[in-house]
Amino acid sequence: MLAYEPDCLFADAFASFRGTARFKKNVSNLGGLLSDIRLEITEWDESDPQQLVTGWRFAGTVALPWRPRLAASGGTTHVFDAQTGRVKEHLERWDIDPLVVVRQLFTPTKRRD
């Protein structure tokens, strides 16, 4: 978290807020519910010295009785503060409608018998 400004803007399709403390809380809440996590970096562009743009694919199983599987792709843009060199904006984009991801929460994983 030292790479981020303490009041960094975090924004995605679901929420927007400032501060690394809130970001850590959000990640720990969601992270504790996920297993079988897969994250693949599909893009890495640092051609602009003021930002790093990545693309990614993510999938994980949620610890609910019906074990829904979440999967999405998108990217993150990290915008750097010119003075400190730390991330001042962490902006996520999704390649699918966020409602599709929410619907995944209500879809049980097919059982393997």
C-alpha atoms as a PDB file:
ATOM      1  CA  MET A   1       0.000   0.000   0.000  1.00  0.00           C
ATOM      2  CA  LEU A   2       3.030   2.274   0.199  1.00  0.00           C
ATOM      3  CA  ALA A   3       2.795   2.749  -3.579  1.00  0.00           C
ATOM      4  CA  TYR A   4      -0.517   4.620  -3.100  1.00  0.00           C
ATOM      5  CA  GLU A   5      -1.234   8.127  -1.873  1.00  0.00           C
ATOM      6  CA  PRO A   6      -3.164   7.835   1.432  1.00  0.00           C
ATOM      7  CA  ASP A   7      -6.126   9.698  -0.132  1.00  0.00           C
ATOM      8  CA  CYS A   8      -5.946   7.844  -3.470  1.00  0.00           C
ATOM      9  CA  LEU A   9      -9.167   7.721  -5.507  1.00  0.00           C
ATOM     10  CA  PHE A  10     -10.400   4.161  -6.055  1.00  0.00           C
ATOM     11  CA  ALA A  11     -13.179   3.823  -8.614  1.00  0.00           C
ATOM     12  CA  ASP A  12     -14.855   0.990 -10.496  1.00  0.00           C
ATOM     13  CA  ALA A  13     -18.273   0.147 -11.915  1.00  0.00           C
ATOM     14  CA  PHE A  14     -19.690  -0.441  -8.429  1.00  0.00           C
ATOM     15  CA  ALA A  15     -18.217   2.268  -6.229  1.00  0.00           C
ATOM     16  CA  SER A  16     -15.929   5.246  -5.927  1.00  0.00           C
ATOM     17  CA  PHE A  17     -14.160   6.319  -2.741  1.00  0.00           C
ATOM     18  CA  ARG A  18     -10.920   7.771  -1.422  1.00  0.00           C
ATOM     19  CA  GLY A  19      -8.343   6.330   0.911  1.00  0.00           C
ATOM     20  CA  THR A  20      -6.142   3.280   1.244  1.00  0.00           C
ATOM     21  CA  ALA A  21      -7.731   2.269   4.559  1.00  0.00           C
ATOM     22  CA  ARG A  22     -11.130   1.879   2.906  1.00  0.00           C
ATOM     23  CA  PHE A  23      -9.579   0.022  -0.031  1.00  0.00           C
ATOM     24  CA  LYS A  24      -7.895  -2.479   2.308  1.00  0.00           C
ATOM     25  CA  LYS A  25     -11.197  -3.012   4.135  1.00  0.00           C
ATOM     26  CA  ASN A  26     -13.069  -3.632   0.874  1.00  0.00           C
ATOM     27  CA  VAL A  27     -10.450  -6.084  -0.399  1.00  0.00           C
ATOM     28  CA  SER A  28     -10.305  -7.991   2.888  1.00  0.00           C
ATOM     29  CA  ASN A  29     -14.116  -8.278   3.013  1.00  0.00           C
ATOM     30  CA  LEU A  30     -14.353  -9.686  -0.503  1.00  0.00           C
ATOM     31  CA  GLY A  31     -11.094 -11.641  -0.383  1.00  0.00           C
ATOM     32  CA  GLY A  32     -12.234 -13.604   2.653  1.00  0.00           C
ATOM     33  CA  LEU A  33     -15.212 -14.893   0.671  1.00  0.00           C
ATOM     34  CA  LEU A  34     -13.321 -16.085  -2.404  1.00  0.00           C
ATOM     35  CA  SER A  35     -11.504 -19.304  -3.165  1.00  0.00           C
ATOM     36  CA  ASP A  36     -10.073 -20.922  -6.291  1.00  0.00           C
ATOM     37  CA  ILE A  37      -9.041 -17.450  -7.462  1.00  0.00           C
ATOM     38  CA  ARG A  38      -7.488 -16.972 -10.883  1.00  0.00           C
ATOM     39  CA  LEU A  39      -6.098 -13.656 -12.068  1.00  0.00           C
ATOM     40  CA  GLU A  40      -4.409 -13.275 -15.430  1.00  0.00           C
ATOM     41  CA  ILE A  41      -2.752 -10.045 -16.557  1.00  0.00           C
ATOM     42  CA  THR A  42      -3.565  -9.631 -20.265  1.00  0.00           C
ATOM     43  CA  GLU A  43      -2.145  -6.167 -20.927  1.00  0.00           C
ATOM     44  CA  TRP A  44       0.650  -4.024 -19.518  1.00  0.00           C
ATOM     45  CA  ASP A  45       1.199  -0.528 -20.953  1.00  0.00           C
ATOM     46  CA  GLU A  46       3.603   1.887 -19.317  1.00  0.00           C
ATOM     47  CA  SER A  47       4.201   4.042 -22.405  1.00  0.00           C
ATOM     48  CA  ASP A  48       2.807   7.111 -20.580  1.00  0.00           C
ATOM     49  CA  PRO A  49       5.097   7.970 -17.635  1.00  0.00           C
ATOM     50  CA  GLN A  50       2.106   9.394 -15.729  1.00  0.00           C
ATOM     51  CA  GLN A  51       0.150   6.129 -15.706  1.00  0.00           C
ATOM     52  CA  LEU A  52       0.250   2.354 -15.925  1.00  0.00           C
ATOM     53  CA  VAL A  53      -2.590   0.632 -17.762  1.00  0.00           C
ATOM     54  CA  THR A  54      -3.214  -3.070 -17.251  1.00  0.00           C
ATOM     55  CA  GLY A  55      -5.780  -5.517 -18.574  1.00  0.00           C
ATOM     56  CA  TRP A  56      -6.893  -8.566 -16.593  1.00  0.00           C
ATOM     57  CA  ARG A  57      -9.200 -11.572 -16.391  1.00  0.00           C
ATOM     58  CA  PHE A  58     -10.472 -12.699 -13.019  1.00  0.00           C
ATOM     59  CA  ALA A  59     -12.445 -15.689 -11.718  1.00  0.00           C
ATOM     60  CA  GLY A  60     -13.183 -17.017  -8.241  1.00  0.00           C
ATOM     61  CA  THR A  61     -15.686 -19.076  -6.281  1.00  0.00           C
ATOM     62  CA  VAL A  62     -17.730 -17.265  -3.621  1.00  0.00           C
ATOM     63  CA  ALA A  63     -18.122 -18.907  -0.190  1.00  0.00           C
ATOM     64  CA  LEU A  64     -21.912 -19.134  -0.307  1.00  0.00           C
ATOM     65  CA  PRO A  65     -23.868 -22.392   0.018  1.00  0.00           C
ATOM     66  CA  TRP A  66     -24.548 -22.548  -3.748  1.00  0.00           C
ATOM     67  CA  ARG A  67     -20.867 -21.688  -4.519  1.00  0.00           C
ATOM     68  CA  PRO A  68     -21.371 -19.160  -7.324  1.00  0.00           C
ATOM     69  CA  ARG A  69     -18.467 -18.519  -9.644  1.00  0.00           C
ATOM     70  CA  LEU A  70     -17.597 -14.897 -10.422  1.00  0.00           C
ATOM     71  CA  ALA A  71     -15.760 -14.156 -13.650  1.00  0.00           C
ATOM     72  CA  ALA A  72     -14.996 -10.878 -15.375  1.00  0.00           C
ATOM     73  CA  SER A  73     -12.420  -9.116 -17.472  1.00  0.00           C
ATOM     74  CA  GLY A  74     -11.400  -5.509 -17.514  1.00  0.00           C
ATOM     75  CA  GLY A  75      -8.460  -3.340 -16.678  1.00  0.00           C
ATOM     76  CA  THR A  76      -6.959  -0.933 -14.212  1.00  0.00           C
ATOM     77  CA  THR A  77      -5.357   2.439 -14.820  1.00  0.00           C
ATOM     78  CA  HIS A  78      -2.963   3.640 -12.146  1.00  0.00           C
ATOM     79  CA  VAL A  79      -2.424   7.418 -12.386  1.00  0.00           C
ATOM     80  CA  PHE A  80       0.744   8.672 -10.689  1.00  0.00           C
ATOM     81  CA  ASP A  81       1.246  11.875  -8.725  1.00  0.00           C
ATOM     82  CA  ALA A  82       3.985  13.873 -10.489  1.00  0.00           C
ATOM     83  CA  GLN A  83       5.490  15.044  -7.177  1.00  0.00           C
ATOM     84  CA  THR A  84       5.559  11.808  -5.143  1.00  0.00           C
ATOM     85  CA  GLY A  85       5.483   9.141  -7.851  1.00  0.00           C
ATOM     86  CA  ARG A  86       2.773   7.319  -5.901  1.00  0.00           C
ATOM     87  CA  VAL A  87      -0.587   6.225  -7.291  1.00  0.00           C
ATOM     88  CA  LYS A  88      -3.193   8.974  -6.870  1.00  0.00           C
ATOM     89  CA  GLU A  89      -5.985   7.273  -8.878  1.00  0.00           C
ATOM     90  CA  HIS A  90      -6.765   3.552  -9.193  1.00  0.00           C
ATOM     91  CA  LEU A  91      -9.439   3.344 -11.892  1.00  0.00           C
ATOM     92  CA  GLU A  92     -10.940  -0.003 -12.867  1.00  0.00           C
ATOM     93  CA  ARG A  93     -12.941  -0.663 -16.001  1.00  0.00           C
ATOM     94  CA  TRP A  94     -15.063  -3.723 -16.699  1.00  0.00           C
ATOM     95  CA  ASP A  95     -15.481  -5.285 -20.121  1.00  0.00           C
ATOM     96  CA  ILE A  96     -18.920  -6.615 -19.168  1.00  0.00           C
ATOM     97  CA  ASP A  97     -21.989  -5.017 -17.654  1.00  0.00           C
ATOM     98  CA  PRO A  98     -21.599  -4.990 -13.849  1.00  0.00           C
ATOM     99  CA  LEU A  99     -25.133  -6.391 -13.564  1.00  0.00           C
ATOM    100  CA  VAL A 100     -23.930  -9.554 -15.301  1.00  0.00           C
ATOM    101  CA  VAL A 101     -21.376  -9.980 -12.510  1.00  0.00           C
ATOM    102  CA  VAL A 102     -24.082  -9.424  -9.869  1.00  0.00           C
ATOM    103  CA  ARG A 103     -26.267 -12.064 -11.563  1.00  0.00           C
ATOM    104  CA  GLN A 104     -23.387 -14.510 -11.271  1.00  0.00           C
ATOM    105  CA  LEU A 105     -23.792 -14.308  -7.484  1.00  0.00           C
ATOM    106  CA  PHE A 106     -27.214 -15.929  -7.821  1.00  0.00           C
ATOM    107  CA  THR A 107     -26.145 -18.701 -10.195  1.00  0.00           C
ATOM    108  CA  PRO A 108     -25.155 -21.947  -8.463  1.00  0.00           C
ATOM    109  CA  THR A 109     -22.042 -23.733  -9.602  1.00  0.00           C
ATOM    110  CA  LYS A 110     -22.906 -26.990 -11.319  1.00  0.00           C
ATOM    111  CA  ARG A 111     -22.013 -29.941  -9.129  1.00  0.00           C
ATOM    112  CA  ARG A 112     -19.504 -32.473 -10.351  1.00  0.00           C
ATOM    113  CA  ASP A 113     -20.690 -35.953  -9.413  1.00  0.00           C
END
